Amino acid sequence: MKAVVTVTGKDKVGIIAMASDECSKHGVNIIDISQTVMKEYFAMIMLVELDGMTVDFASFAEAIKGRGLKLGVDIRVMHEDIFNSMHKI
C-alpha cells in the first residue's frame, strides 16, 4: 500500500530531514520525492510505501503531522485508497 505525503510552509533548515526521519521511525519507505522552494515557501510531495509500517495508518499520519507542527510546517498524509476511489465516482 502507498500514500502521498505533502509538506508545505515557510522554508527552513531541517524539513526534509524531519520528514524522512519520521518515516524511518515508523517503517515507512520513501519511494519518490519532489520538493521546491518558491521564494520563502517550501513545498514537498512524497510517495511512500506503507507495507513495512510499524504502526497503524492513523498513528503515522498523526505523528508526522505533529512533528511538522513543531517545525512550523503543515504535513498531510493521504492513503492511496482516496485516489483510487476518485476513479469510481
Foldseek 3Di string as FASTA:
>chain_A
DKKKKKKKDFDDPDPVVLLVVLCVVQQKAFDDKDWDQDPRMIIMMTIIDCPRGNDDPVVSQVVSQVSSVVVPMGMGMGDCVVVVVVVVD
